[in-house]
Amino acid sequence: MEEFLLENQWIIILAILWTLPWKGIALWNSSRNGDTGWFIALLIVNTLGILEILYIYVFSKNKSKERESAMPQTMK
């Protein structure tokens, strides 16, 4: 396996390029939503973007909608 990865380093580079934007967006959203547990989990656990994508599109939507509905009409 090590030999395969040494010969095909582009796989590692591709995984990093895929993961970093998702992790950044998910960490930003969890921070803005005040989800400390999610922030720590997303920071520590590396799932090649799967957990991050789930947080962005599934778990953070509820809080975003609640926050948006609580805003005064002039701020929307």
PDB file of N, CA and C in Angstrom:
ATOM      1  N   MET A   1       0.829  -1.199   0.000  1.00  0.00           N
ATOM      2  CA  MET A   1       0.000   0.000   0.000  1.00  0.00           C
ATOM      3  C   MET A   1       0.870   1.258   0.000  1.00  0.00           C
ATOM      4  N   GLU A   2       1.921   1.247   0.832  1.00  0.00           N
ATOM      5  CA  GLU A   2       2.807   2.408   0.888  1.00  0.00           C
ATOM      6  C   GLU A   2       3.454   2.665  -0.465  1.00  0.00           C
ATOM      7  N   GLU A   3       3.852   1.611  -1.113  1.00  0.00           N
ATOM      8  CA  GLU A   3       4.485   1.739  -2.425  1.00  0.00           C
ATOM      9  C   GLU A   3       3.500   2.334  -3.433  1.00  0.00           C
ATOM     10  N   PHE A   4       2.266   1.886  -3.374  1.00  0.00           N
ATOM     11  CA  PHE A   4       1.231   2.400  -4.280  1.00  0.00           C
ATOM     12  C   PHE A   4       1.044   3.907  -4.087  1.00  0.00           C
ATOM     13  N   LEU A   5       0.951   4.343  -2.810  1.00  0.00           N
ATOM     14  CA  LEU A   5       0.744   5.762  -2.531  1.00  0.00           C
ATOM     15  C   LEU A   5       1.970   6.597  -2.896  1.00  0.00           C
ATOM     16  N   LEU A   6       3.165   6.030  -2.720  1.00  0.00           N
ATOM     17  CA  LEU A   6       4.369   6.756  -3.113  1.00  0.00           C
ATOM     18  C   LEU A   6       4.439   6.938  -4.623  1.00  0.00           C
ATOM     19  N   GLU A   7       3.991   5.958  -5.355  1.00  0.00           N
ATOM     20  CA  GLU A   7       3.998   6.046  -6.806  1.00  0.00           C
ATOM     21  C   GLU A   7       2.851   6.902  -7.349  1.00  0.00           C
ATOM     22  N   ASN A   8       1.803   7.018  -6.595  1.00  0.00           N
ATOM     23  CA  ASN A   8       0.606   7.760  -7.028  1.00  0.00           C
ATOM     24  C   ASN A   8       0.265   8.858  -6.021  1.00  0.00           C
ATOM     25  N   GLN A   9       1.167   9.785  -5.828  1.00  0.00           N
ATOM     26  CA  GLN A   9       0.955  10.851  -4.848  1.00  0.00           C
ATOM     27  C   GLN A   9      -0.192  11.777  -5.232  1.00  0.00           C
ATOM     28  N   TRP A  10      -0.596  11.757  -6.471  1.00  0.00           N
ATOM     29  CA  TRP A  10      -1.701  12.595  -6.907  1.00  0.00           C
ATOM     30  C   TRP A  10      -2.990  12.238  -6.182  1.00  0.00           C
ATOM     31  N   ILE A  11      -3.100  10.979  -5.720  1.00  0.00           N
ATOM     32  CA  ILE A  11      -4.297  10.576  -4.975  1.00  0.00           C
ATOM     33  C   ILE A  11      -4.382  11.347  -3.665  1.00  0.00           C
ATOM     34  N   ILE A  12      -3.266  11.489  -2.987  1.00  0.00           N
ATOM     35  CA  ILE A  12      -3.234  12.222  -1.725  1.00  0.00           C
ATOM     36  C   ILE A  12      -3.533  13.698  -1.971  1.00  0.00           C
ATOM     37  N   ILE A  13      -2.927  14.259  -3.000  1.00  0.00           N
ATOM     38  CA  ILE A  13      -3.160  15.664  -3.330  1.00  0.00           C
ATOM     39  C   ILE A  13      -4.630  15.901  -3.681  1.00  0.00           C
ATOM     40  N   LEU A  14      -5.211  15.005  -4.454  1.00  0.00           N
ATOM     41  CA  LEU A  14      -6.619  15.111  -4.817  1.00  0.00           C
ATOM     42  C   LEU A  14      -7.519  15.032  -3.577  1.00  0.00           C
ATOM     43  N   ALA A  15      -7.195  14.128  -2.653  1.00  0.00           N
ATOM     44  CA  ALA A  15      -7.979  13.996  -1.416  1.00  0.00           C
ATOM     45  C   ALA A  15      -7.893  15.271  -0.578  1.00  0.00           C
ATOM     46  N   ILE A  16      -6.727  15.866  -0.523  1.00  0.00           N
ATOM     47  CA  ILE A  16      -6.562  17.114   0.236  1.00  0.00           C
ATOM     48  C   ILE A  16      -7.350  18.240  -0.420  1.00  0.00           C
ATOM     49  N   LEU A  17      -7.242  18.347  -1.732  1.00  0.00           N
ATOM     50  CA  LEU A  17      -7.962  19.407  -2.445  1.00  0.00           C
ATOM     51  C   LEU A  17      -9.479  19.242  -2.350  1.00  0.00           C
ATOM     52  N   TRP A  18      -9.958  18.025  -2.227  1.00  0.00           N
ATOM     53  CA  TRP A  18     -11.386  17.758  -2.080  1.00  0.00           C
ATOM     54  C   TRP A  18     -11.844  18.074  -0.657  1.00  0.00           C
ATOM     55  N   THR A  19     -11.044  17.689   0.330  1.00  0.00           N
ATOM     56  CA  THR A  19     -11.443  17.784   1.731  1.00  0.00           C
ATOM     57  C   THR A  19     -11.383  19.205   2.283  1.00  0.00           C
ATOM     58  N   LEU A  20     -10.344  19.952   1.968  1.00  0.00           N
ATOM     59  CA  LEU A  20     -10.152  21.265   2.589  1.00  0.00           C
ATOM     60  C   LEU A  20     -11.310  22.239   2.409  1.00  0.00           C
ATOM     61  N   PRO A  21     -11.836  22.423   1.205  1.00  0.00           N
ATOM     62  CA  PRO A  21     -12.970  23.363   1.098  1.00  0.00           C
ATOM     63  C   PRO A  21     -14.194  22.915   1.890  1.00  0.00           C
ATOM     64  N   TRP A  22     -14.505  21.625   1.854  1.00  0.00           N
ATOM     65  CA  TRP A  22     -15.663  21.128   2.610  1.00  0.00           C
ATOM     66  C   TRP A  22     -15.451  21.324   4.105  1.00  0.00           C
ATOM     67  N   LYS A  23     -14.256  21.011   4.593  1.00  0.00           N
ATOM     68  CA  LYS A  23     -13.962  21.167   6.008  1.00  0.00           C
ATOM     69  C   LYS A  23     -14.049  22.625   6.411  1.00  0.00           C
ATOM     70  N   GLY A  24     -13.515  23.516   5.590  1.00  0.00           N
ATOM     71  CA  GLY A  24     -13.565  24.940   5.896  1.00  0.00           C
ATOM     72  C   GLY A  24     -14.979  25.469   5.976  1.00  0.00           C
ATOM     73  N   ILE A  25     -15.808  25.119   5.010  1.00  0.00           N
ATOM     74  CA  ILE A  25     -17.207  25.577   5.005  1.00  0.00           C
ATOM     75  C   ILE A  25     -17.968  25.010   6.199  1.00  0.00           C
ATOM     76  N   ALA A  26     -17.773  23.725   6.475  1.00  0.00           N
ATOM     77  CA  ALA A  26     -18.480  23.097   7.600  1.00  0.00           C
ATOM     78  C   ALA A  26     -18.038  23.702   8.932  1.00  0.00           C
ATOM     79  N   LEU A  27     -16.733  23.942   9.095  1.00  0.00           N
ATOM     80  CA  LEU A  27     -16.257  24.559  10.336  1.00  0.00           C
ATOM     81  C   LEU A  27     -16.796  25.974  10.480  1.00  0.00           C
ATOM     82  N   TRP A  28     -16.843  26.711   9.391  1.00  0.00           N
ATOM     83  CA  TRP A  28     -17.377  28.071   9.423  1.00  0.00           C
ATOM     84  C   TRP A  28     -18.851  28.049   9.830  1.00  0.00           C
ATOM     85  N   ASN A  29     -19.632  27.170   9.207  1.00  0.00           N
ATOM     86  CA  ASN A  29     -21.063  27.085   9.530  1.00  0.00           C
ATOM     87  C   ASN A  29     -21.292  26.650  10.972  1.00  0.00           C
ATOM     88  N   SER A  30     -20.542  25.655  11.430  1.00  0.00           N
ATOM     89  CA  SER A  30     -20.743  25.185  12.804  1.00  0.00           C
ATOM     90  C   SER A  30     -20.350  26.257  13.811  1.00  0.00           C
ATOM     91  N   SER A  31     -19.335  27.034  13.481  1.00  0.00           N
ATOM     92  CA  SER A  31     -18.935  28.126  14.362  1.00  0.00           C
ATOM     93  C   SER A  31     -20.019  29.200  14.420  1.00  0.00           C
ATOM     94  N   ARG A  32     -20.545  29.581  13.276  1.00  0.00           N
ATOM     95  CA  ARG A  32     -21.592  30.610  13.225  1.00  0.00           C
ATOM     96  C   ARG A  32     -22.879  30.144  13.899  1.00  0.00           C
ATOM     97  N   ASN A  33     -23.165  28.831  13.829  1.00  0.00           N
ATOM     98  CA  ASN A  33     -24.376  28.296  14.454  1.00  0.00           C
ATOM     99  C   ASN A  33     -24.195  28.005  15.935  1.00  0.00           C
ATOM    100  N   GLY A  34     -22.981  28.134  16.446  1.00  0.00           N
ATOM    101  CA  GLY A  34     -22.727  27.865  17.856  1.00  0.00           C
ATOM    102  C   GLY A  34     -22.720  26.385  18.196  1.00  0.00           C
ATOM    103  N   ASP A  35     -22.455  25.541  17.213  1.00  0.00           N
ATOM    104  CA  ASP A  35     -22.420  24.092  17.422  1.00  0.00           C
ATOM    105  C   ASP A  35     -21.014  23.641  17.816  1.00  0.00           C
ATOM    106  N   THR A  36     -20.688  23.795  19.094  1.00  0.00           N
ATOM    107  CA  THR A  36     -19.342  23.469  19.571  1.00  0.00           C
ATOM    108  C   THR A  36     -19.014  21.995  19.373  1.00  0.00           C
ATOM    109  N   GLY A  37     -19.950  21.121  19.658  1.00  0.00           N
ATOM    110  CA  GLY A  37     -19.714  19.684  19.490  1.00  0.00           C
ATOM    111  C   GLY A  37     -19.412  19.321  18.042  1.00  0.00           C
ATOM    112  N   TRP A  38     -20.207  19.879  17.137  1.00  0.00           N
ATOM    113  CA  TRP A  38     -19.970  19.637  15.716  1.00  0.00           C
ATOM    114  C   TRP A  38     -18.626  20.213  15.291  1.00  0.00           C
ATOM    115  N   PHE A  39     -18.290  21.404  15.776  1.00  0.00           N
ATOM    116  CA  PHE A  39     -17.022  22.028  15.412  1.00  0.00           C
ATOM    117  C   PHE A  39     -15.855  21.131  15.801  1.00  0.00           C
ATOM    118  N   ILE A  40     -15.872  20.617  17.019  1.00  0.00           N
ATOM    119  CA  ILE A  40     -14.787  19.749  17.489  1.00  0.00           C
ATOM    120  C   ILE A  40     -14.747  18.459  16.683  1.00  0.00           C
ATOM    121  N   ALA A  41     -15.897  17.857  16.452  1.00  0.00           N
ATOM    122  CA  ALA A  41     -15.942  16.609  15.675  1.00  0.00           C
ATOM    123  C   ALA A  41     -15.425  16.825  14.254  1.00  0.00           C
ATOM    124  N   LEU A  42     -15.853  17.893  13.616  1.00  0.00           N
ATOM    125  CA  LEU A  42     -15.418  18.177  12.247  1.00  0.00           C
ATOM    126  C   LEU A  42     -13.929  18.492  12.192  1.00  0.00           C
ATOM    127  N   LEU A  43     -13.417  19.117  13.231  1.00  0.00           N
ATOM    128  CA  LEU A  43     -12.006  19.464  13.275  1.00  0.00           C
ATOM    129  C   LEU A  43     -11.131  18.234  13.446  1.00  0.00           C
ATOM    130  N   ILE A  44     -11.578  17.279  14.256  1.00  0.00           N
ATOM    131  CA  ILE A  44     -10.758  16.110  14.592  1.00  0.00           C
ATOM    132  C   ILE A  44     -10.939  14.967  13.608  1.00  0.00           C
ATOM    133  N   VAL A  45     -12.180  14.678  13.244  1.00  0.00           N
ATOM    134  CA  VAL A  45     -12.475  13.502  12.418  1.00  0.00           C
ATOM    135  C   VAL A  45     -12.273  13.832  10.941  1.00  0.00           C
ATOM    136  N   ASN A  46     -11.547  12.984  10.250  1.00  0.00           N
ATOM    137  CA  ASN A  46     -11.329  13.179   8.818  1.00  0.00           C
ATOM    138  C   ASN A  46     -12.046  12.068   8.058  1.00  0.00           C
ATOM    139  N   THR A  47     -13.093  12.437   7.320  1.00  0.00           N
ATOM    140  CA  THR A  47     -13.890  11.454   6.582  1.00  0.00           C
ATOM    141  C   THR A  47     -13.920  11.754   5.092  1.00  0.00           C
ATOM    142  N   LEU A  48     -12.894  12.432   4.608  1.00  0.00           N
ATOM    143  CA  LEU A  48     -12.811  12.836   3.201  1.00  0.00           C
ATOM    144  C   LEU A  48     -14.023  13.660   2.761  1.00  0.00           C
ATOM    145  N   GLY A  49     -14.519  14.475   3.666  1.00  0.00           N
ATOM    146  CA  GLY A  49     -15.593  15.395   3.326  1.00  0.00           C
ATOM    147  C   GLY A  49     -16.998  14.880   3.550  1.00  0.00           C
ATOM    148  N   ILE A  50     -17.155  13.613   3.855  1.00  0.00           N
ATOM    149  CA  ILE A  50     -18.503  13.045   3.997  1.00  0.00           C
ATOM    150  C   ILE A  50     -19.242  13.664   5.177  1.00  0.00           C
ATOM    151  N   LEU A  51     -18.612  13.683   6.340  1.00  0.00           N
ATOM    152  CA  LEU A  51     -19.246  14.260   7.523  1.00  0.00           C
ATOM    153  C   LEU A  51     -19.485  15.756   7.330  1.00  0.00           C
ATOM    154  N   GLU A  52     -18.545  16.427   6.696  1.00  0.00           N
ATOM    155  CA  GLU A  52     -18.679  17.853   6.458  1.00  0.00           C
ATOM    156  C   GLU A  52     -19.862  18.163   5.534  1.00  0.00           C
ATOM    157  N   ILE A  53     -19.991  17.385   4.471  1.00  0.00           N
ATOM    158  CA  ILE A  53     -21.095  17.581   3.523  1.00  0.00           C
ATOM    159  C   ILE A  53     -22.435  17.320   4.215  1.00  0.00           C
ATOM    160  N   LEU A  54     -22.497  16.275   5.032  1.00  0.00           N
ATOM    161  CA  LEU A  54     -23.730  15.994   5.774  1.00  0.00           C
ATOM    162  C   LEU A  54     -24.081  17.150   6.699  1.00  0.00           C
ATOM    163  N   TYR A  55     -23.086  17.690   7.389  1.00  0.00           N
ATOM    164  CA  TYR A  55     -23.372  18.805   8.293  1.00  0.00           C
ATOM    165  C   TYR A  55     -23.899  20.005   7.508  1.00  0.00           C
ATOM    166  N   ILE A  56     -23.243  20.331   6.407  1.00  0.00           N
ATOM    167  CA  ILE A  56     -23.626  21.513   5.628  1.00  0.00           C
ATOM    168  C   ILE A  56     -25.044  21.390   5.091  1.00  0.00           C
ATOM    169  N   TYR A  57     -25.364  20.246   4.498  1.00  0.00           N
ATOM    170  CA  TYR A  57     -26.643  20.118   3.792  1.00  0.00           C
ATOM    171  C   TYR A  57     -27.778  19.516   4.615  1.00  0.00           C
ATOM    172  N   VAL A  58     -27.466  18.869   5.733  1.00  0.00           N
ATOM    173  CA  VAL A  58     -28.524  18.222   6.509  1.00  0.00           C
ATOM    174  C   VAL A  58     -28.677  18.859   7.886  1.00  0.00           C
ATOM    175  N   PHE A  59     -27.618  18.860   8.677  1.00  0.00           N
ATOM    176  CA  PHE A  59     -27.725  19.235  10.081  1.00  0.00           C
ATOM    177  C   PHE A  59     -27.714  20.734  10.337  1.00  0.00           C
ATOM    178  N   SER A  60     -27.043  21.523   9.520  1.00  0.00           N
ATOM    179  CA  SER A  60     -26.987  22.958   9.801  1.00  0.00           C
ATOM    180  C   SER A  60     -28.168  23.712   9.224  1.00  0.00           C
ATOM    181  N   LYS A  61     -28.955  23.102   8.360  1.00  0.00           N
ATOM    182  CA  LYS A  61     -30.079  23.785   7.722  1.00  0.00           C
ATOM    183  C   LYS A  61     -31.125  24.229   8.742  1.00  0.00           C
ATOM    184  N   ASN A  62     -31.395  23.421   9.726  1.00  0.00           N
ATOM    185  CA  ASN A  62     -32.417  23.765  10.719  1.00  0.00           C
ATOM    186  C   ASN A  62     -32.057  25.034  11.463  1.00  0.00           C
ATOM    187  N   LYS A  63     -30.822  25.156  11.890  1.00  0.00           N
ATOM    188  CA  LYS A  63     -30.420  26.340  12.642  1.00  0.00           C
ATOM    189  C   LYS A  63     -30.371  27.561  11.753  1.00  0.00           C
ATOM    190  N   SER A  64     -29.956  27.390  10.508  1.00  0.00           N
ATOM    191  CA  SER A  64     -29.917  28.527   9.584  1.00  0.00           C
ATOM    192  C   SER A  64     -31.315  29.076   9.363  1.00  0.00           C
ATOM    193  N   LYS A  65     -32.294  28.201   9.200  1.00  0.00           N
ATOM    194  CA  LYS A  65     -33.676  28.637   8.988  1.00  0.00           C
ATOM    195  C   LYS A  65     -34.225  29.314  10.235  1.00  0.00           C
ATOM    196  N   GLU A  66     -33.907  28.774  11.426  1.00  0.00           N
ATOM    197  CA  GLU A  66     -34.379  29.367  12.668  1.00  0.00           C
ATOM    198  C   GLU A  66     -33.792  30.766  12.847  1.00  0.00           C
ATOM    199  N   ARG A  67     -32.507  30.903  12.558  1.00  0.00           N
ATOM    200  CA  ARG A  67     -31.841  32.187  12.709  1.00  0.00           C
ATOM    201  C   ARG A  67     -32.411  33.198  11.719  1.00  0.00           C
ATOM    202  N   GLU A  68     -32.677  32.753  10.493  1.00  0.00           N
ATOM    203  CA  GLU A  68     -33.218  33.637   9.461  1.00  0.00           C
ATOM    204  C   GLU A  68     -34.622  34.111   9.826  1.00  0.00           C
ATOM    205  N   SER A  69     -35.446  33.214  10.380  1.00  0.00           N
ATOM    206  CA  SER A  69     -36.804  33.601  10.732  1.00  0.00           C
ATOM    207  C   SER A  69     -36.836  34.510  11.954  1.00  0.00           C
ATOM    208  N   ALA A  70     -35.797  34.481  12.773  1.00  0.00           N
ATOM    209  CA  ALA A  70     -35.743  35.324  13.958  1.00  0.00           C
ATOM    210  C   ALA A  70     -35.253  36.741  13.633  1.00  0.00           C
ATOM    211  N   MET A  71     -34.683  36.927  12.441  1.00  0.00           N
ATOM    212  CA  MET A  71     -34.183  38.245  12.044  1.00  0.00           C
ATOM    213  C   MET A  71     -35.332  39.187  11.758  1.00  0.00           C
ATOM    214  N   PRO A  72     -35.143  40.462  12.093  1.00  0.00           N
ATOM    215  CA  PRO A  72     -36.151  41.453  11.714  1.00  0.00           C
ATOM    216  C   PRO A  72     -36.231  41.565  10.188  1.00  0.00           C
ATOM    217  N   GLN A  73     -37.371  41.942   9.669  1.00  0.00           N
ATOM    218  CA  GLN A  73     -37.593  42.017   8.228  1.00  0.00           C
ATOM    219  C   GLN A  73     -36.587  42.953   7.544  1.00  0.00           C
ATOM    220  N   THR A  74     -36.156  44.009   8.223  1.00  0.00           N
ATOM    221  CA  THR A  74     -35.241  44.967   7.612  1.00  0.00           C
ATOM    222  C   THR A  74     -33.868  44.395   7.372  1.00  0.00           C
ATOM    223  N   MET A  75     -33.497  43.328   8.074  1.00  0.00           N
ATOM    224  CA  MET A  75     -32.163  42.736   7.931  1.00  0.00           C
ATOM    225  C   MET A  75     -32.140  41.636   6.908  1.00  0.00           C
ATOM    226  N   LYS A  76     -33.267  41.119   6.455  1.00  0.00           N
ATOM    227  CA  LYS A  76     -33.308  39.992   5.519  1.00  0.00           C
ATOM    228  C   LYS A  76     -32.930  40.408   4.135  1.00  0.00           C
TER     229      LYS A  76
END
